[in-house]
Structures are given as structure tokens and as C-alpha cells.
Amino acid sequence: MTDECRAYLETQAAREGAPLVGVRVKVKGGGCSGLSYDVALASDATERDLVFGEAPQIIVDPKSHTFIDGLVLDVSRGLVGTGFVFNNPNAKKTCGCGTSFSIG
């Protein structure tokens, strides 16, 4: 996770008045390239979760981890708002939306 992403997550959690342990990143089927990212603020991690980095941490379930091992989470700020940027070394093809990818 980049420093800019970390600062963005801390700001979002403060706005919502929610405790922030990290951000949960999941991979699910869908999107124009076959797989898509699902990101949500997380107030806890389960016993099965894999947890990476310093607070706020990236929290990933074991199944999703196989698709995003080595992922660097960043944010992009533009005229239409702020959004996550997924720098995933496993993605072989991505879609223009930036949230859909394929690994094969």
C-alpha cells in the first residue's frame, strides 16, 4: 500500500467515525475481464485472513490471495473523484475501468 493510499483510508475512516484496522481486498467473478476487485474498510480480521503491512493493513482471504499476491494498492485523484488503483503483477489483462482483470 502506498503512503498516499494509507492517508486516504485514514481520512475515509475518520469521516465515517469507524475504527480502521485496514482495508479488505477480495477478488470475485465478474467485470469485463472475468475477475473484479472488491474493496471495503475493515474494522477487524478473521483467523483465516492474511494480513499485510503496517496499519492500516491490507486484509485478504486465502482464496483471493492467489489472484493478488504482490498487489500494491494506490489511489488516484482526478476531476471525477478519487479511486483505487490496483497494481497487480498477476493481472495479464485489465479493463479500462481499472477494477476488472484476468490472470490467464
PDB file of N, CA and C in Angstrom:
ATOM      1  N   MET A   1       0.851  -1.172   0.000  1.00  0.00           N
ATOM      2  CA  MET A   1       0.000   0.000   0.000  1.00  0.00           C
ATOM      3  C   MET A   1       0.896   1.233   0.000  1.00  0.00           C
ATOM      4  N   THR A   2       0.550   2.181  -0.859  1.00  0.00           N
ATOM      5  CA  THR A   2       1.339   3.404  -0.906  1.00  0.00           C
ATOM      6  C   THR A   2       0.978   4.317   0.268  1.00  0.00           C
ATOM      7  N   ASP A   3       1.865   5.264   0.557  1.00  0.00           N
ATOM      8  CA  ASP A   3       1.600   6.225   1.634  1.00  0.00           C
ATOM      9  C   ASP A   3       0.360   7.059   1.331  1.00  0.00           C
ATOM     10  N   GLU A   4       0.175   7.424   0.062  1.00  0.00           N
ATOM     11  CA  GLU A   4      -0.999   8.217  -0.313  1.00  0.00           C
ATOM     12  C   GLU A   4      -2.287   7.424  -0.078  1.00  0.00           C
ATOM     13  N   CYS A   5      -2.259   6.146  -0.385  1.00  0.00           N
ATOM     14  CA  CYS A   5      -3.430   5.294  -0.148  1.00  0.00           C
ATOM     15  C   CYS A   5      -3.701   5.168   1.349  1.00  0.00           C
ATOM     16  N   ARG A   6      -2.654   4.998   2.117  1.00  0.00           N
ATOM     17  CA  ARG A   6      -2.791   4.884   3.578  1.00  0.00           C
ATOM     18  C   ARG A   6      -3.461   6.147   4.142  1.00  0.00           C
ATOM     19  N   ALA A   7      -3.007   7.311   3.708  1.00  0.00           N
ATOM     20  CA  ALA A   7      -3.580   8.578   4.182  1.00  0.00           C
ATOM     21  C   ALA A   7      -5.044   8.706   3.758  1.00  0.00           C
ATOM     22  N   TYR A   8      -5.361   8.295   2.541  1.00  0.00           N
ATOM     23  CA  TYR A   8      -6.743   8.343   2.051  1.00  0.00           C
ATOM     24  C   TYR A   8      -7.649   7.461   2.905  1.00  0.00           C
ATOM     25  N   LEU A   9      -7.214   6.244   3.215  1.00  0.00           N
ATOM     26  CA  LEU A   9      -8.017   5.326   4.024  1.00  0.00           C
ATOM     27  C   LEU A   9      -8.243   5.869   5.431  1.00  0.00           C
ATOM     28  N   GLU A  10      -7.213   6.458   6.016  1.00  0.00           N
ATOM     29  CA  GLU A  10      -7.349   7.031   7.353  1.00  0.00           C
ATOM     30  C   GLU A  10      -8.360   8.180   7.348  1.00  0.00           C
ATOM     31  N   THR A  11      -8.331   8.998   6.301  1.00  0.00           N
ATOM     32  CA  THR A  11      -9.284  10.100   6.173  1.00  0.00           C
ATOM     33  C   THR A  11     -10.707   9.572   6.023  1.00  0.00           C
ATOM     34  N   GLN A  12     -10.891   8.548   5.190  1.00  0.00           N
ATOM     35  CA  GLN A  12     -12.223   7.967   4.985  1.00  0.00           C
ATOM     36  C   GLN A  12     -12.774   7.381   6.284  1.00  0.00           C
ATOM     37  N   ALA A  13     -11.942   6.664   7.019  1.00  0.00           N
ATOM     38  CA  ALA A  13     -12.386   6.065   8.282  1.00  0.00           C
ATOM     39  C   ALA A  13     -12.767   7.148   9.286  1.00  0.00           C
ATOM     40  N   ALA A  14     -11.992   8.230   9.343  1.00  0.00           N
ATOM     41  CA  ALA A  14     -12.299   9.327  10.263  1.00  0.00           C
ATOM     42  C   ALA A  14     -13.632   9.979   9.903  1.00  0.00           C
ATOM     43  N   ARG A  15     -13.896  10.138   8.607  1.00  0.00           N
ATOM     44  CA  ARG A  15     -15.172  10.720   8.166  1.00  0.00           C
ATOM     45  C   ARG A  15     -16.354   9.856   8.581  1.00  0.00           C
ATOM     46  N   GLU A  16     -16.164   8.546   8.511  1.00  0.00           N
ATOM     47  CA  GLU A  16     -17.239   7.617   8.861  1.00  0.00           C
ATOM     48  C   GLU A  16     -17.307   7.349  10.358  1.00  0.00           C
ATOM     49  N   GLY A  17     -16.307   7.824  11.101  1.00  0.00           N
ATOM     50  CA  GLY A  17     -16.266   7.576  12.534  1.00  0.00           C
ATOM     51  C   GLY A  17     -16.094   6.109  12.863  1.00  0.00           C
ATOM     52  N   ALA A  18     -15.425   5.401  11.983  1.00  0.00           N
ATOM     53  CA  ALA A  18     -15.264   3.950  12.139  1.00  0.00           C
ATOM     54  C   ALA A  18     -13.834   3.610  12.534  1.00  0.00           C
ATOM     55  N   PRO A  19     -13.670   2.601  13.391  1.00  0.00           N
ATOM     56  CA  PRO A  19     -12.313   2.141  13.681  1.00  0.00           C
ATOM     57  C   PRO A  19     -11.727   1.511  12.420  1.00  0.00           C
ATOM     58  N   LEU A  20     -10.454   1.727  12.195  1.00  0.00           N
ATOM     59  CA  LEU A  20      -9.822   1.223  10.976  1.00  0.00           C
ATOM     60  C   LEU A  20      -8.661   0.314  11.315  1.00  0.00           C
ATOM     61  N   VAL A  21      -8.821  -0.957  11.034  1.00  0.00           N
ATOM     62  CA  VAL A  21      -7.715  -1.902  11.139  1.00  0.00           C
ATOM     63  C   VAL A  21      -7.014  -1.960   9.794  1.00  0.00           C
ATOM     64  N   GLY A  22      -7.816  -1.924   8.731  1.00  0.00           N
ATOM     65  CA  GLY A  22      -7.241  -1.996   7.398  1.00  0.00           C
ATOM     66  C   GLY A  22      -8.297  -1.930   6.325  1.00  0.00           C
ATOM     67  N   VAL A  23      -7.916  -2.399   5.171  1.00  0.00           N
ATOM     68  CA  VAL A  23      -8.815  -2.452   4.035  1.00  0.00           C
ATOM     69  C   VAL A  23      -8.874  -3.900   3.558  1.00  0.00           C
ATOM     70  N   ARG A  24     -10.088  -4.390   3.392  1.00  0.00           N
ATOM     71  CA  ARG A  24     -10.288  -5.764   2.926  1.00  0.00           C
ATOM     72  C   ARG A  24     -10.359  -5.744   1.401  1.00  0.00           C
ATOM     73  N   VAL A  25      -9.490  -6.527   0.772  1.00  0.00           N
ATOM     74  CA  VAL A  25      -9.477  -6.648  -0.680  1.00  0.00           C
ATOM     75  C   VAL A  25      -9.876  -8.072  -1.032  1.00  0.00           C
ATOM     76  N   LYS A  26     -10.952  -8.196  -1.806  1.00  0.00           N
ATOM     77  CA  LYS A  26     -11.436  -9.507  -2.256  1.00  0.00           C
ATOM     78  C   LYS A  26     -11.430  -9.542  -3.774  1.00  0.00           C
ATOM     79  N   VAL A  27     -11.338 -10.735  -4.308  1.00  0.00           N
ATOM     80  CA  VAL A  27     -11.488 -10.942  -5.743  1.00  0.00           C
ATOM     81  C   VAL A  27     -12.751 -11.762  -5.939  1.00  0.00           C
ATOM     82  N   LYS A  28     -13.581 -11.311  -6.866  1.00  0.00           N
ATOM     83  CA  LYS A  28     -14.802 -12.058  -7.160  1.00  0.00           C
ATOM     84  C   LYS A  28     -14.962 -12.156  -8.673  1.00  0.00           C
ATOM     85  N   GLY A  29     -15.741 -13.104  -9.106  1.00  0.00           N
ATOM     86  CA  GLY A  29     -16.012 -13.250 -10.524  1.00  0.00           C
ATOM     87  C   GLY A  29     -16.864 -12.104 -11.013  1.00  0.00           C
ATOM     88  N   GLY A  30     -16.564 -11.625 -12.215  1.00  0.00           N
ATOM     89  CA  GLY A  30     -17.358 -10.550 -12.796  1.00  0.00           C
ATOM     90  C   GLY A  30     -16.494  -9.516 -13.474  1.00  0.00           C
ATOM     91  N   GLY A  31     -17.126  -8.518 -14.010  1.00  0.00           N
ATOM     92  CA  GLY A  31     -16.411  -7.484 -14.735  1.00  0.00           C
ATOM     93  C   GLY A  31     -16.123  -7.925 -16.159  1.00  0.00           C
ATOM     94  N   CYS A  32     -15.656  -7.013 -16.967  1.00  0.00           N
ATOM     95  CA  CYS A  32     -15.456  -7.320 -18.380  1.00  0.00           C
ATOM     96  C   CYS A  32     -14.237  -8.195 -18.653  1.00  0.00           C
ATOM     97  N   SER A  33     -13.348  -8.369 -17.687  1.00  0.00           N
ATOM     98  CA  SER A  33     -12.185  -9.235 -17.894  1.00  0.00           C
ATOM     99  C   SER A  33     -12.278 -10.548 -17.124  1.00  0.00           C
ATOM    100  N   GLY A  34     -13.366 -10.774 -16.411  1.00  0.00           N
ATOM    101  CA  GLY A  34     -13.580 -12.055 -15.739  1.00  0.00           C
ATOM    102  C   GLY A  34     -13.477 -12.030 -14.231  1.00  0.00           C
ATOM    103  N   LEU A  35     -12.590 -11.210 -13.692  1.00  0.00           N
ATOM    104  CA  LEU A  35     -12.424 -11.083 -12.244  1.00  0.00           C
ATOM    105  C   LEU A  35     -12.489  -9.609 -11.880  1.00  0.00           C
ATOM    106  N   SER A  36     -12.959  -9.310 -10.685  1.00  0.00           N
ATOM    107  CA  SER A  36     -13.005  -7.916 -10.255  1.00  0.00           C
ATOM    108  C   SER A  36     -12.620  -7.801  -8.787  1.00  0.00           C
ATOM    109  N   TYR A  37     -12.175  -6.607  -8.434  1.00  0.00           N
ATOM    110  CA  TYR A  37     -11.771  -6.314  -7.066  1.00  0.00           C
ATOM    111  C   TYR A  37     -12.967  -5.790  -6.279  1.00  0.00           C
ATOM    112  N   ASP A  38     -13.007  -6.135  -5.005  1.00  0.00           N
ATOM    113  CA  ASP A  38     -14.000  -5.602  -4.080  1.00  0.00           C
ATOM    114  C   ASP A  38     -13.212  -5.081  -2.880  1.00  0.00           C
ATOM    115  N   VAL A  39     -13.352  -3.804  -2.581  1.00  0.00           N
ATOM    116  CA  VAL A  39     -12.571  -3.165  -1.518  1.00  0.00           C
ATOM    117  C   VAL A  39     -13.513  -2.541  -0.499  1.00  0.00           C
ATOM    118  N   ALA A  40     -13.217  -2.756   0.790  1.00  0.00           N
ATOM    119  CA  ALA A  40     -14.031  -2.173   1.858  1.00  0.00           C
ATOM    120  C   ALA A  40     -13.157  -1.907   3.077  1.00  0.00           C
ATOM    121  N   LEU A  41     -13.462  -0.842   3.801  1.00  0.00           N
ATOM    122  CA  LEU A  41     -12.771  -0.591   5.064  1.00  0.00           C
ATOM    123  C   LEU A  41     -13.057  -1.751   6.003  1.00  0.00           C
ATOM    124  N   ALA A  42     -12.068  -2.143   6.784  1.00  0.00           N
ATOM    125  CA  ALA A  42     -12.231  -3.284   7.691  1.00  0.00           C
ATOM    126  C   ALA A  42     -11.917  -2.867   9.118  1.00  0.00           C
ATOM    127  N   SER A  43     -12.783  -3.276  10.029  1.00  0.00           N
ATOM    128  CA  SER A  43     -12.557  -2.981  11.441  1.00  0.00           C
ATOM    129  C   SER A  43     -11.956  -4.175  12.170  1.00  0.00           C
ATOM    130  N   ASP A  44     -11.858  -5.310  11.477  1.00  0.00           N
ATOM    131  CA  ASP A  44     -11.236  -6.487  12.085  1.00  0.00           C
ATOM    132  C   ASP A  44     -10.800  -7.468  11.001  1.00  0.00           C
ATOM    133  N   ALA A  45     -10.019  -8.439  11.418  1.00  0.00           N
ATOM    134  CA  ALA A  45      -9.583  -9.522  10.535  1.00  0.00           C
ATOM    135  C   ALA A  45      -9.976 -10.834  11.191  1.00  0.00           C
ATOM    136  N   THR A  46     -10.296 -11.823  10.379  1.00  0.00           N
ATOM    137  CA  THR A  46     -10.649 -13.127  10.925  1.00  0.00           C
ATOM    138  C   THR A  46      -9.393 -13.969  11.101  1.00  0.00           C
ATOM    139  N   GLU A  47      -9.555 -15.083  11.746  1.00  0.00           N
ATOM    140  CA  GLU A  47      -8.447 -16.003  11.984  1.00  0.00           C
ATOM    141  C   GLU A  47      -7.860 -16.536  10.677  1.00  0.00           C
ATOM    142  N   ARG A  48      -8.689 -16.675   9.658  1.00  0.00           N
ATOM    143  CA  ARG A  48      -8.248 -17.231   8.374  1.00  0.00           C
ATOM    144  C   ARG A  48      -7.623 -16.189   7.451  1.00  0.00           C
ATOM    145  N   ASP A  49      -7.859 -14.913   7.715  1.00  0.00           N
ATOM    146  CA  ASP A  49      -7.369 -13.856   6.832  1.00  0.00           C
ATOM    147  C   ASP A  49      -5.851 -13.774   6.822  1.00  0.00           C
ATOM    148  N   LEU A  50      -5.325 -13.323   5.698  1.00  0.00           N
ATOM    149  CA  LEU A  50      -3.913 -12.974   5.581  1.00  0.00           C
ATOM    150  C   LEU A  50      -3.837 -11.459   5.723  1.00  0.00           C
ATOM    151  N   VAL A  51      -2.898 -10.982   6.533  1.00  0.00           N
ATOM    152  CA  VAL A  51      -2.805  -9.558   6.845  1.00  0.00           C
ATOM    153  C   VAL A  51      -1.414  -9.069   6.473  1.00  0.00           C
ATOM    154  N   PHE A  52      -1.359  -7.961   5.713  1.00  0.00           N
ATOM    155  CA  PHE A  52      -0.090  -7.456   5.200  1.00  0.00           C
ATOM    156  C   PHE A  52       0.114  -5.988   5.554  1.00  0.00           C
ATOM    157  N   GLY A  53       1.367  -5.625   5.824  1.00  0.00           N
ATOM    158  CA  GLY A  53       1.755  -4.238   6.006  1.00  0.00           C
ATOM    159  C   GLY A  53       1.452  -3.681   7.377  1.00  0.00           C
ATOM    160  N   GLU A  54       1.745  -2.376   7.479  1.00  0.00           N
ATOM    161  CA  GLU A  54       1.500  -1.626   8.705  1.00  0.00           C
ATOM    162  C   GLU A  54       0.089  -1.048   8.654  1.00  0.00           C
ATOM    163  N   ALA A  55      -0.384  -0.608   9.808  1.00  0.00           N
ATOM    164  CA  ALA A  55      -1.742  -0.051   9.875  1.00  0.00           C
ATOM    165  C   ALA A  55      -1.845   1.210   9.016  1.00  0.00           C
ATOM    166  N   PRO A  56      -2.920   1.354   8.270  1.00  0.00           N
ATOM    167  CA  PRO A  56      -3.937   0.346   8.014  1.00  0.00           C
ATOM    168  C   PRO A  56      -3.393  -0.766   7.124  1.00  0.00           C
ATOM    169  N   GLN A  57      -3.776  -1.968   7.422  1.00  0.00           N
ATOM    170  CA  GLN A  57      -3.247  -3.143   6.746  1.00  0.00           C
ATOM    171  C   GLN A  57      -4.141  -3.577   5.590  1.00  0.00           C
ATOM    172  N   ILE A  58      -3.559  -4.367   4.693  1.00  0.00           N
ATOM    173  CA  ILE A  58      -4.345  -4.998   3.639  1.00  0.00           C
ATOM    174  C   ILE A  58      -4.744  -6.368   4.161  1.00  0.00           C
ATOM    175  N   ILE A  59      -6.040  -6.633   4.171  1.00  0.00           N
ATOM    176  CA  ILE A  59      -6.586  -7.886   4.690  1.00  0.00           C
ATOM    177  C   ILE A  59      -7.185  -8.658   3.514  1.00  0.00           C
ATOM    178  N   VAL A  60      -6.746  -9.915   3.362  1.00  0.00           N
ATOM    179  CA  VAL A  60      -7.135 -10.710   2.200  1.00  0.00           C
ATOM    180  C   VAL A  60      -7.522 -12.110   2.647  1.00  0.00           C
ATOM    181  N   ASP A  61      -8.601 -12.648   2.078  1.00  0.00           N
ATOM    182  CA  ASP A  61      -8.938 -14.043   2.349  1.00  0.00           C
ATOM    183  C   ASP A  61      -8.005 -14.937   1.519  1.00  0.00           C
ATOM    184  N   PRO A  62      -7.750 -16.167   1.967  1.00  0.00           N
ATOM    185  CA  PRO A  62      -6.796 -17.045   1.274  1.00  0.00           C
ATOM    186  C   PRO A  62      -7.120 -17.283  -0.201  1.00  0.00           C
ATOM    187  N   LYS A  63      -8.384 -17.417  -0.554  1.00  0.00           N
ATOM    188  CA  LYS A  63      -8.752 -17.667  -1.952  1.00  0.00           C
ATOM    189  C   LYS A  63      -8.389 -16.471  -2.834  1.00  0.00           C
ATOM    190  N   SER A  64      -8.697 -15.267  -2.375  1.00  0.00           N
ATOM    191  CA  SER A  64      -8.378 -14.065  -3.148  1.00  0.00           C
ATOM    192  C   SER A  64      -6.874 -13.865  -3.269  1.00  0.00           C
ATOM    193  N   HIS A  65      -6.138 -14.259  -2.243  1.00  0.00           N
ATOM    194  CA  HIS A  65      -4.691 -14.050  -2.235  1.00  0.00           C
ATOM    195  C   HIS A  65      -4.005 -14.682  -3.441  1.00  0.00           C
ATOM    196  N   THR A  66      -4.508 -15.819  -3.898  1.00  0.00           N
ATOM    197  CA  THR A  66      -3.877 -16.479  -5.047  1.00  0.00           C
ATOM    198  C   THR A  66      -3.925 -15.605  -6.295  1.00  0.00           C
ATOM    199  N   PHE A  67      -4.894 -14.704  -6.387  1.00  0.00           N
ATOM    200  CA  PHE A  67      -5.033 -13.830  -7.552  1.00  0.00           C
ATOM    201  C   PHE A  67      -4.306 -12.497  -7.400  1.00  0.00           C
ATOM    202  N   ILE A  68      -3.989 -12.104  -6.159  1.00  0.00           N
ATOM    203  CA  ILE A  68      -3.444 -10.754  -5.948  1.00  0.00           C
ATOM    204  C   ILE A  68      -2.145 -10.737  -5.151  1.00  0.00           C
ATOM    205  N   ASP A  69      -1.471 -11.854  -5.052  1.00  0.00           N
ATOM    206  CA  ASP A  69      -0.194 -11.896  -4.337  1.00  0.00           C
ATOM    207  C   ASP A  69       0.765 -10.881  -4.956  1.00  0.00           C
ATOM    208  N   GLY A  70       1.284  -9.964  -4.173  1.00  0.00           N
ATOM    209  CA  GLY A  70       2.186  -8.926  -4.660  1.00  0.00           C
ATOM    210  C   GLY A  70       1.494  -7.629  -5.036  1.00  0.00           C
ATOM    211  N   LEU A  71       0.185  -7.551  -4.852  1.00  0.00           N
ATOM    212  CA  LEU A  71      -0.590  -6.355  -5.189  1.00  0.00           C
ATOM    213  C   LEU A  71      -0.084  -5.137  -4.416  1.00  0.00           C
ATOM    214  N   VAL A  72       0.003  -3.998  -5.107  1.00  0.00           N
ATOM    215  CA  VAL A  72       0.262  -2.716  -4.456  1.00  0.00           C
ATOM    216  C   VAL A  72      -0.992  -1.873  -4.664  1.00  0.00           C
ATOM    217  N   LEU A  73      -1.589  -1.461  -3.561  1.00  0.00           N
ATOM    218  CA  LEU A  73      -2.816  -0.669  -3.604  1.00  0.00           C
ATOM    219  C   LEU A  73      -2.459   0.810  -3.531  1.00  0.00           C
ATOM    220  N   ASP A  74      -3.007   1.589  -4.460  1.00  0.00           N
ATOM    221  CA  ASP A  74      -2.741   3.020  -4.528  1.00  0.00           C
ATOM    222  C   ASP A  74      -4.075   3.739  -4.745  1.00  0.00           C
ATOM    223  N   VAL A  75      -4.044   5.049  -4.767  1.00  0.00           N
ATOM    224  CA  VAL A  75      -5.225   5.843  -5.096  1.00  0.00           C
ATOM    225  C   VAL A  75      -4.866   6.824  -6.197  1.00  0.00           C
ATOM    226  N   SER A  76      -5.872   7.204  -6.938  1.00  0.00           N
ATOM    227  CA  SER A  76      -5.717   8.197  -7.990  1.00  0.00           C
ATOM    228  C   SER A  76      -6.755   9.277  -7.751  1.00  0.00           C
ATOM    229  N   ARG A  77      -6.313  10.513  -7.795  1.00  0.00           N
ATOM    230  CA  ARG A  77      -7.228  11.638  -7.598  1.00  0.00           C
ATOM    231  C   ARG A  77      -7.368  12.367  -8.931  1.00  0.00           C
ATOM    232  N   GLY A  78      -8.604  12.605  -9.318  1.00  0.00           N
ATOM    233  CA  GLY A  78      -8.855  13.264 -10.596  1.00  0.00           C
ATOM    234  C   GLY A  78     -10.077  14.152 -10.525  1.00  0.00           C
ATOM    235  N   LEU A  79     -10.471  14.647 -11.673  1.00  0.00           N
ATOM    236  CA  LEU A  79     -11.616  15.555 -11.746  1.00  0.00           C
ATOM    237  C   LEU A  79     -12.923  14.880 -11.356  1.00  0.00           C
ATOM    238  N   VAL A  80     -13.023  13.575 -11.582  1.00  0.00           N
ATOM    239  CA  VAL A  80     -14.272  12.872 -11.275  1.00  0.00           C
ATOM    240  C   VAL A  80     -14.244  12.203  -9.908  1.00  0.00           C
ATOM    241  N   GLY A  81     -13.196  12.420  -9.141  1.00  0.00           N
ATOM    242  CA  GLY A  81     -13.136  11.859  -7.794  1.00  0.00           C
ATOM    243  C   GLY A  81     -11.875  11.055  -7.551  1.00  0.00           C
ATOM    244  N   THR A  82     -11.878  10.363  -6.443  1.00  0.00           N
ATOM    245  CA  THR A  82     -10.743   9.547  -6.031  1.00  0.00           C
ATOM    246  C   THR A  82     -11.125   8.082  -6.138  1.00  0.00           C
ATOM    247  N   GLY A  83     -10.194   7.282  -6.638  1.00  0.00           N
ATOM    248  CA  GLY A  83     -10.464   5.853  -6.767  1.00  0.00           C
ATOM    249  C   GLY A  83      -9.214   5.036  -6.516  1.00  0.00           C
ATOM    250  N   PHE A  84      -9.418   3.770  -6.247  1.00  0.00           N
ATOM    251  CA  PHE A  84      -8.294   2.874  -6.009  1.00  0.00           C
ATOM    252  C   PHE A  84      -7.622   2.496  -7.321  1.00  0.00           C
ATOM    253  N   VAL A  85      -6.316   2.310  -7.249  1.00  0.00           N
ATOM    254  CA  VAL A  85      -5.522   1.815  -8.368  1.00  0.00           C
ATOM    255  C   VAL A  85      -4.892   0.516  -7.902  1.00  0.00           C
ATOM    256  N   PHE A  86      -5.065  -0.535  -8.687  1.00  0.00           N
ATOM    257  CA  PHE A  86      -4.585  -1.866  -8.335  1.00  0.00           C
ATOM    258  C   PHE A  86      -3.391  -2.212  -9.211  1.00  0.00           C
ATOM    259  N   ASN A  87      -2.201  -2.212  -8.641  1.00  0.00           N
ATOM    260  CA  ASN A  87      -1.002  -2.614  -9.361  1.00  0.00           C
ATOM    261  C   ASN A  87      -0.748  -4.079  -9.031  1.00  0.00           C
ATOM    262  N   ASN A  88      -1.321  -4.956  -9.871  1.00  0.00           N
ATOM    263  CA  ASN A  88      -1.323  -6.390  -9.614  1.00  0.00           C
ATOM    264  C   ASN A  88      -0.389  -7.093 -10.592  1.00  0.00           C
ATOM    265  N   PRO A  89       0.727  -7.639 -10.113  1.00  0.00           N
ATOM    266  CA  PRO A  89       1.668  -8.310 -11.013  1.00  0.00           C
ATOM    267  C   PRO A  89       1.107  -9.586 -11.636  1.00  0.00           C
ATOM    268  N   ASN A  90       0.013 -10.115 -11.107  1.00  0.00           N
ATOM    269  CA  ASN A  90      -0.594 -11.337 -11.638  1.00  0.00           C
ATOM    270  C   ASN A  90      -1.580 -11.068 -12.766  1.00  0.00           C
ATOM    271  N   ALA A  91      -2.008  -9.832 -12.928  1.00  0.00           N
ATOM    272  CA  ALA A  91      -3.000  -9.492 -13.952  1.00  0.00           C
ATOM    273  C   ALA A  91      -2.339  -9.494 -15.326  1.00  0.00           C
ATOM    274  N   LYS A  92      -2.851 -10.328 -16.204  1.00  0.00           N
ATOM    275  CA  LYS A  92      -2.330 -10.395 -17.573  1.00  0.00           C
ATOM    276  C   LYS A  92      -3.087  -9.444 -18.491  1.00  0.00           C
ATOM    277  N   LYS A  93      -4.336  -9.181 -18.155  1.00  0.00           N
ATOM    278  CA  LYS A  93      -5.176  -8.296 -18.951  1.00  0.00           C
ATOM    279  C   LYS A  93      -6.053  -7.500 -17.986  1.00  0.00           C
ATOM    280  N   THR A  94      -6.174  -6.212 -18.239  1.00  0.00           N
ATOM    281  CA  THR A  94      -7.056  -5.384 -17.422  1.00  0.00           C
ATOM    282  C   THR A  94      -8.040  -4.659 -18.328  1.00  0.00           C
ATOM    283  N   CYS A  95      -9.078  -4.166 -17.729  1.00  0.00           N
ATOM    284  CA  CYS A  95     -10.114  -3.467 -18.471  1.00  0.00           C
ATOM    285  C   CYS A  95      -9.940  -1.963 -18.243  1.00  0.00           C
ATOM    286  N   GLY A  96     -10.542  -1.165 -19.072  1.00  0.00           N
ATOM    287  CA  GLY A  96     -10.425   0.286 -18.964  1.00  0.00           C
ATOM    288  C   GLY A  96     -10.938   0.858 -17.660  1.00  0.00           C
ATOM    289  N   CYS A  97     -11.847   0.144 -17.001  1.00  0.00           N
ATOM    290  CA  CYS A  97     -12.402   0.645 -15.738  1.00  0.00           C
ATOM    291  C   CYS A  97     -11.380   0.566 -14.605  1.00  0.00           C
ATOM    292  N   GLY A  98     -10.372  -0.304 -14.746  1.00  0.00           N
ATOM    293  CA  GLY A  98      -9.339  -0.433 -13.726  1.00  0.00           C
ATOM    294  C   GLY A  98      -9.683  -1.348 -12.576  1.00  0.00           C
ATOM    295  N   THR A  99     -10.880  -1.922 -12.573  1.00  0.00           N
ATOM    296  CA  THR A  99     -11.255  -2.808 -11.470  1.00  0.00           C
ATOM    297  C   THR A  99     -11.513  -4.238 -11.920  1.00  0.00           C
ATOM    298  N   SER A 100     -11.312  -4.523 -13.194  1.00  0.00           N
ATOM    299  CA  SER A 100     -11.534  -5.865 -13.714  1.00  0.00           C
ATOM    300  C   SER A 100     -10.246  -6.362 -14.360  1.00  0.00           C
ATOM    301  N   PHE A 101      -9.960  -7.655 -14.181  1.00  0.00           N
ATOM    302  CA  PHE A 101      -8.712  -8.200 -14.713  1.00  0.00           C
ATOM    303  C   PHE A 101      -8.855  -9.689 -14.982  1.00  0.00           C
ATOM    304  N   SER A 102      -7.871 -10.234 -15.698  1.00  0.00           N
ATOM    305  CA  SER A 102      -7.792 -11.683 -15.888  1.00  0.00           C
ATOM    306  C   SER A 102      -6.355 -12.109 -15.621  1.00  0.00           C
ATOM    307  N   ILE A 103      -6.182 -13.357 -15.280  1.00  0.00           N
ATOM    308  CA  ILE A 103      -4.838 -13.847 -14.968  1.00  0.00           C
ATOM    309  C   ILE A 103      -4.316 -14.824 -16.014  1.00  0.00           C
ATOM    310  N   GLY A 104      -5.097 -15.148 -17.010  1.00  0.00           N
ATOM    311  CA  GLY A 104      -4.654 -16.128 -17.996  1.00  0.00           C
ATOM    312  C   GLY A 104      -4.712 -15.665 -19.393  1.00  0.00           C
TER     313      GLY A 104
END
